[in-house]
Amino acid sequence: MKHILVPIGISPDAHQTLQYAVDFAEQFASQVYVMEVFNVSVGAGKSLVNVPQKLAESGIERLKEVIDKIDSKGVEIKIATYNGDIVDGLKDIDKELGIDLIILAPRSNDVTEELYLGNTSGKIIKQTDIPTLIVPKGSVMTTPKTILTAFKSGILKRNRILTPLIEIKKKFGSTVNLLLVKTPGYTDSDLRINTALMDISSQVTMTEAPTTYLGVLERFEAQHPDLLCVFRHKRGFFKKLWEKNTILKSEFSSRIPVLVLSVKKD
């Protein structure tokens, strides 16, 4: 896990997410990239020629202020700014550097309290194929002793999808428990669990529920996980994201970090 990226929004608590990312990166000897995105289209007027440059400079100064609020613990932190859509920016950086993990807060402070995922965080999870760790506001990095990995289908087209989960388990000696949720319309093939996923697990539980999320809620108190791992694909845990970017807390919420592993479009 060489490169970790942290998109910095407008929240005054952005340094908390960055501190979590730095504490996490320290364990893996990773580099951290902090990123701010602005979006400006310059017209024909000569007076606007320097606007993108000035906004980029302003963004860099703001990112430096955020970095100054944390303990870097010797972790290398680099700054990136991007003029355009955040998803395009993430894809460009990923293409150039290879981003192994995005760490972000579920929402910024410009959206209502009813939302778990705001528009920006929702877009990142919906429209990129980069593994993402969603860290609740104010979270402090701790060793994930138990990881609950929930899914409605055990079929994975590529074992490398599991790489972030495997690296976390190896680094922290975590116990990985699997939860297969049989939702309406499941098929027998959905019940076949990927061999690589079985190899890293200590326990497999099957349950039936209207949605994967409700299945997780049923098992949450029994297992007391420190980290929830889910899969992002069109019919998966965050399927509502394919209808809209935002996710209401009534649809999903988590008081622990959520690792979203990315499955290519199926």
Protein backbone atom coordinates (compact mmCIF):
# COMPACT_ATOMS: atom_id res chain seq x y z
CA MET A 1 0.00 0.00 0.00
CA LYS A 2 2.35 2.70 -1.29
CA HIS A 3 0.08 5.65 -2.08
CA ILE A 4 -2.85 6.89 0.00
CA LEU A 5 -4.90 9.87 -1.16
CA VAL A 6 -6.98 12.14 1.08
CA PRO A 7 -9.44 14.52 -0.65
CA ILE A 8 -9.74 17.62 1.53
CA GLY A 9 -13.16 19.28 1.50
CA ILE A 10 -14.31 22.47 3.17
CA SER A 11 -14.93 20.93 6.58
CA PRO A 12 -13.07 22.62 9.47
CA ASP A 13 -12.46 19.09 10.77
CA ALA A 14 -10.55 18.00 7.66
CA HIS A 15 -7.35 17.71 9.70
CA GLN A 16 -8.95 14.90 11.73
CA THR A 17 -9.41 12.77 8.61
CA LEU A 18 -5.87 13.59 7.50
CA GLN A 19 -4.48 12.62 10.91
CA TYR A 20 -6.29 9.28 10.67
CA ALA A 21 -4.82 8.77 7.18
CA VAL A 22 -1.31 9.61 8.40
CA ASP A 23 -1.62 7.23 11.38
CA PHE A 24 -2.82 4.53 8.99
CA ALA A 25 -0.10 5.27 6.43
CA GLU A 26 2.59 5.08 9.12
CA GLN A 27 1.75 1.40 9.61
CA PHE A 28 2.34 0.64 5.93
CA ALA A 29 5.19 3.11 5.25
CA SER A 30 2.91 4.75 2.67
CA GLN A 31 3.08 8.18 1.08
CA VAL A 32 0.05 10.42 1.64
CA TYR A 33 -1.28 12.79 -0.98
CA VAL A 34 -3.69 15.52 0.09
CA MET A 35 -5.85 16.84 -2.71
CA GLU A 36 -8.07 19.84 -3.22
CA VAL A 37 -10.22 20.31 -6.30
CA PHE A 38 -11.47 23.59 -7.71
CA ASN A 39 -13.50 24.15 -10.83
CA VAL A 40 -13.19 27.30 -12.89
CA SER A 41 -13.72 27.94 -16.57
CA VAL A 42 -11.81 30.93 -17.91
CA GLY A 43 -13.45 32.97 -20.63
CA ALA A 44 -11.91 35.23 -23.20
CA GLY A 45 -11.28 38.14 -20.80
CA LYS A 46 -7.58 38.66 -20.20
CA SER A 47 -8.26 39.67 -16.60
CA LEU A 48 -9.23 36.07 -15.83
CA VAL A 49 -6.12 34.46 -17.27
CA ASN A 50 -4.46 33.95 -13.88
CA VAL A 51 -7.58 32.81 -12.03
CA PRO A 52 -6.84 29.05 -12.15
CA GLN A 53 -3.26 29.66 -11.02
CA LYS A 54 -4.38 31.88 -8.15
CA LEU A 55 -6.98 29.35 -7.04
CA ALA A 56 -4.39 26.59 -7.16
CA GLU A 57 -2.00 28.67 -5.06
CA SER A 58 -4.79 29.47 -2.61
CA GLY A 59 -5.67 25.77 -2.41
CA ILE A 60 -2.05 24.83 -1.71
CA GLU A 61 -1.87 27.36 1.12
CA ARG A 62 -5.07 26.00 2.63
CA LEU A 63 -3.77 22.44 2.42
CA LYS A 64 -0.58 23.52 4.14
CA GLU A 65 -2.68 24.96 6.95
CA VAL A 66 -4.47 21.63 7.34
CA ILE A 67 -1.16 19.75 7.34
CA ASP A 68 0.22 22.10 10.01
CA LYS A 69 -2.57 20.98 12.38
CA ILE A 70 -1.50 17.33 12.43
CA ASP A 71 1.39 15.20 13.63
CA SER A 72 2.95 13.88 10.43
CA LYS A 73 4.93 11.19 12.33
CA GLY A 74 7.55 11.20 9.63
CA VAL A 75 5.06 10.22 6.93
CA GLU A 76 5.76 11.92 3.60
CA ILE A 77 2.82 14.17 2.68
CA LYS A 78 2.50 15.62 -0.79
CA ILE A 79 0.03 18.20 -2.09
CA ALA A 80 -2.04 17.99 -5.26
CA THR A 81 -4.59 20.42 -6.69
CA TYR A 82 -6.83 19.86 -9.67
CA ASN A 83 -8.94 22.17 -11.81
CA GLY A 84 -12.04 20.24 -12.81
CA ASP A 85 -14.31 17.50 -11.58
CA ILE A 86 -13.03 15.61 -8.54
CA VAL A 87 -13.63 12.21 -10.13
CA ASP A 88 -11.58 13.19 -13.19
CA GLY A 89 -8.87 14.47 -10.87
CA LEU A 90 -8.76 11.23 -8.91
CA LYS A 91 -8.62 9.16 -12.07
CA ASP A 92 -5.77 11.28 -13.46
CA ILE A 93 -3.75 10.98 -10.25
CA ASP A 94 -4.45 7.26 -10.06
CA LYS A 95 -3.28 6.85 -13.66
CA GLU A 96 -0.10 8.79 -12.94
CA LEU A 97 0.83 7.43 -9.51
CA GLY A 98 -1.33 4.42 -8.77
CA ILE A 99 -3.50 5.18 -5.74
CA ASP A 100 -3.89 2.14 -3.49
CA LEU A 101 -6.45 3.65 -1.12
CA ILE A 102 -8.57 6.76 -0.69
CA ILE A 103 -9.33 7.82 2.87
CA LEU A 104 -12.19 10.28 3.30
CA ALA A 105 -14.87 11.47 5.66
CA PRO A 106 -18.42 10.39 4.77
CA ARG A 107 -19.57 13.96 4.26
CA SER A 108 -18.44 17.58 4.49
CA ASN A 109 -20.09 20.18 6.70
CA ASP A 110 -22.03 21.74 3.83
CA VAL A 111 -24.68 19.02 3.70
CA THR A 112 -27.52 18.18 6.04
CA GLU A 113 -27.20 15.99 9.10
CA GLU A 114 -29.57 13.49 7.51
CA LEU A 115 -26.86 12.45 5.04
CA TYR A 116 -24.28 9.73 5.61
CA LEU A 117 -22.60 10.23 2.24
CA GLY A 118 -22.57 13.72 0.80
CA ASN A 119 -22.52 14.48 -2.90
CA THR A 120 -18.72 14.56 -3.20
CA SER A 121 -17.96 11.46 -1.14
CA GLY A 122 -20.81 9.65 -2.89
CA LYS A 123 -19.42 10.53 -6.32
CA ILE A 124 -15.99 9.23 -5.36
CA ILE A 125 -17.36 5.87 -4.25
CA LYS A 126 -19.79 5.59 -7.14
CA GLN A 127 -17.64 6.75 -10.02
CA THR A 128 -14.13 5.48 -9.26
CA ASP A 129 -12.68 1.99 -8.99
CA ILE A 130 -10.23 2.92 -6.22
CA PRO A 131 -10.62 1.18 -2.85
CA THR A 132 -11.91 3.67 -0.29
CA LEU A 133 -11.88 3.82 3.49
CA ILE A 134 -14.75 5.93 4.87
CA VAL A 135 -13.74 7.28 8.27
CA PRO A 136 -16.44 8.72 10.59
CA LYS A 137 -15.85 12.24 11.87
CA GLY A 138 -13.53 12.33 14.87
CA SER A 139 -12.29 8.75 14.45
CA VAL A 140 -8.90 7.87 15.91
CA MET A 141 -6.84 5.21 14.19
CA THR A 142 -6.90 1.96 16.17
CA THR A 143 -6.00 -1.63 15.37
CA PRO A 144 -8.94 -3.34 13.62
CA LYS A 145 -9.09 -6.57 15.59
CA THR A 146 -12.26 -7.82 13.89
CA ILE A 147 -13.32 -7.08 10.31
CA LEU A 148 -16.86 -7.93 9.23
CA THR A 149 -16.96 -8.47 5.47
CA ALA A 150 -20.53 -8.39 4.17
CA PHE A 151 -21.80 -9.25 0.70
CA LYS A 152 -24.80 -10.66 -1.16
CA SER A 153 -22.77 -12.67 -3.66
CA GLY A 154 -19.54 -14.55 -2.99
CA ILE A 155 -18.46 -14.34 -6.62
CA LEU A 156 -15.40 -12.15 -7.30
CA LYS A 157 -14.03 -11.90 -10.82
CA ARG A 158 -10.50 -10.99 -9.68
CA ASN A 159 -8.71 -11.93 -6.47
CA ARG A 160 -6.75 -8.66 -6.50
CA ILE A 161 -9.94 -6.89 -5.46
CA LEU A 162 -9.16 -8.24 -1.99
CA THR A 163 -5.64 -6.78 -1.81
CA PRO A 164 -6.41 -3.91 0.65
CA LEU A 165 -8.31 -6.29 2.94
CA ILE A 166 -5.52 -8.86 2.84
CA GLU A 167 -2.86 -6.21 3.57
CA ILE A 168 -4.85 -4.86 6.54
CA LYS A 169 -5.38 -8.35 7.93
CA LYS A 170 -1.69 -9.18 7.55
CA LYS A 171 -0.44 -5.93 9.10
CA PHE A 172 -2.74 -5.91 12.12
CA GLY A 173 -3.39 -9.64 12.57
CA SER A 174 -7.10 -8.96 12.18
CA THR A 175 -9.80 -11.61 12.27
CA VAL A 176 -11.96 -11.53 9.13
CA ASN A 177 -15.52 -12.75 9.52
CA LEU A 178 -17.69 -13.20 6.44
CA LEU A 179 -21.40 -12.43 6.28
CA LEU A 180 -23.27 -13.63 3.21
CA VAL A 181 -26.71 -12.01 3.10
CA LYS A 182 -29.28 -13.82 1.01
CA THR A 183 -31.49 -11.07 -0.37
CA PRO A 184 -34.66 -11.55 -2.44
CA GLY A 185 -33.83 -12.97 -5.84
CA TYR A 186 -30.53 -14.57 -4.87
CA THR A 187 -29.29 -17.48 -6.98
CA ASP A 188 -27.40 -20.63 -6.02
CA SER A 189 -24.28 -19.24 -7.68
CA ASP A 190 -24.38 -16.25 -5.29
CA LEU A 191 -23.83 -18.69 -2.43
CA ARG A 192 -20.48 -19.83 -3.79
CA ILE A 193 -17.78 -17.87 -1.99
CA ASN A 194 -14.52 -16.90 -3.68
CA THR A 195 -11.68 -19.20 -2.57
CA ALA A 196 -9.28 -16.34 -1.78
CA LEU A 197 -11.93 -14.74 0.41
CA MET A 198 -12.52 -18.02 2.22
CA ASP A 199 -8.77 -18.43 2.78
CA ILE A 200 -8.48 -15.22 4.83
CA SER A 201 -11.67 -15.73 6.85
CA SER A 202 -12.14 -17.22 10.30
CA GLN A 203 -15.92 -17.50 10.26
CA VAL A 204 -18.70 -17.59 7.67
CA THR A 205 -22.28 -16.69 8.54
CA MET A 206 -25.28 -16.76 6.24
CA THR A 207 -28.45 -14.83 6.90
CA GLU A 208 -31.52 -13.67 5.01
CA ALA A 209 -32.64 -10.04 4.88
CA PRO A 210 -34.34 -7.60 2.48
CA THR A 211 -30.99 -5.82 1.92
CA THR A 212 -27.32 -6.44 2.69
CA TYR A 213 -27.34 -3.46 5.05
CA LEU A 214 -30.20 -4.87 7.11
CA GLY A 215 -28.37 -8.17 7.26
CA VAL A 216 -25.34 -6.35 8.64
CA LEU A 217 -27.45 -4.61 11.28
CA GLU A 218 -28.68 -7.97 12.52
CA ARG A 219 -25.12 -9.21 13.09
CA PHE A 220 -23.43 -6.00 14.19
CA GLU A 221 -24.03 -6.27 17.91
CA ALA A 222 -23.14 -9.96 18.00
CA GLN A 223 -19.73 -9.51 16.35
CA HIS A 224 -18.73 -5.98 17.47
CA PRO A 225 -16.49 -5.40 14.45
CA ASP A 226 -13.89 -2.63 14.36
CA LEU A 227 -14.09 -2.34 10.58
CA LEU A 228 -16.86 -3.08 8.09
CA CYS A 229 -15.79 -4.22 4.62
CA VAL A 230 -18.23 -4.16 1.69
CA PHE A 231 -18.05 -4.39 -2.08
CA ARG A 232 -18.92 -1.60 -4.45
CA HIS A 233 -20.66 -2.70 -7.62
CA LYS A 234 -23.89 -2.03 -9.41
CA ARG A 235 -25.91 -4.57 -7.45
CA GLY A 236 -23.94 -4.38 -4.23
CA PHE A 237 -24.00 -2.73 -0.83
CA PHE A 238 -24.24 0.85 -2.05
CA LYS A 239 -26.57 0.13 -4.95
CA LYS A 240 -28.52 3.31 -4.11
CA LEU A 241 -25.48 5.24 -5.32
CA TRP A 242 -26.37 4.24 -8.85
CA GLU A 243 -29.58 6.22 -8.48
CA LYS A 244 -28.02 9.25 -6.74
CA ASN A 245 -24.73 10.23 -5.16
CA THR A 246 -25.95 10.99 -1.66
CA ILE A 247 -26.88 8.35 0.91
CA LEU A 248 -29.28 9.12 3.76
CA LYS A 249 -28.47 7.96 7.26
CA SER A 250 -31.85 6.22 7.20
CA GLU A 251 -30.52 4.11 4.28
CA PHE A 252 -27.09 3.46 5.74
CA SER A 253 -24.91 4.72 8.57
CA SER A 254 -21.87 3.41 10.41
CA ARG A 255 -20.08 4.47 13.56
CA ILE A 256 -16.99 2.49 12.51
CA PRO A 257 -14.78 2.86 9.43
CA VAL A 258 -16.09 1.25 6.24
CA LEU A 259 -13.70 -0.22 3.67
CA VAL A 260 -15.28 -0.22 0.21
CA LEU A 261 -13.56 -2.63 -2.17
CA SER A 262 -14.10 -1.81 -5.80
CA VAL A 263 -15.48 -4.32 -8.24
CA LYS A 264 -15.33 -3.34 -11.89
CA LYS A 265 -18.62 -2.73 -13.67
CA ASP A 266 -20.47 -5.99 -14.05
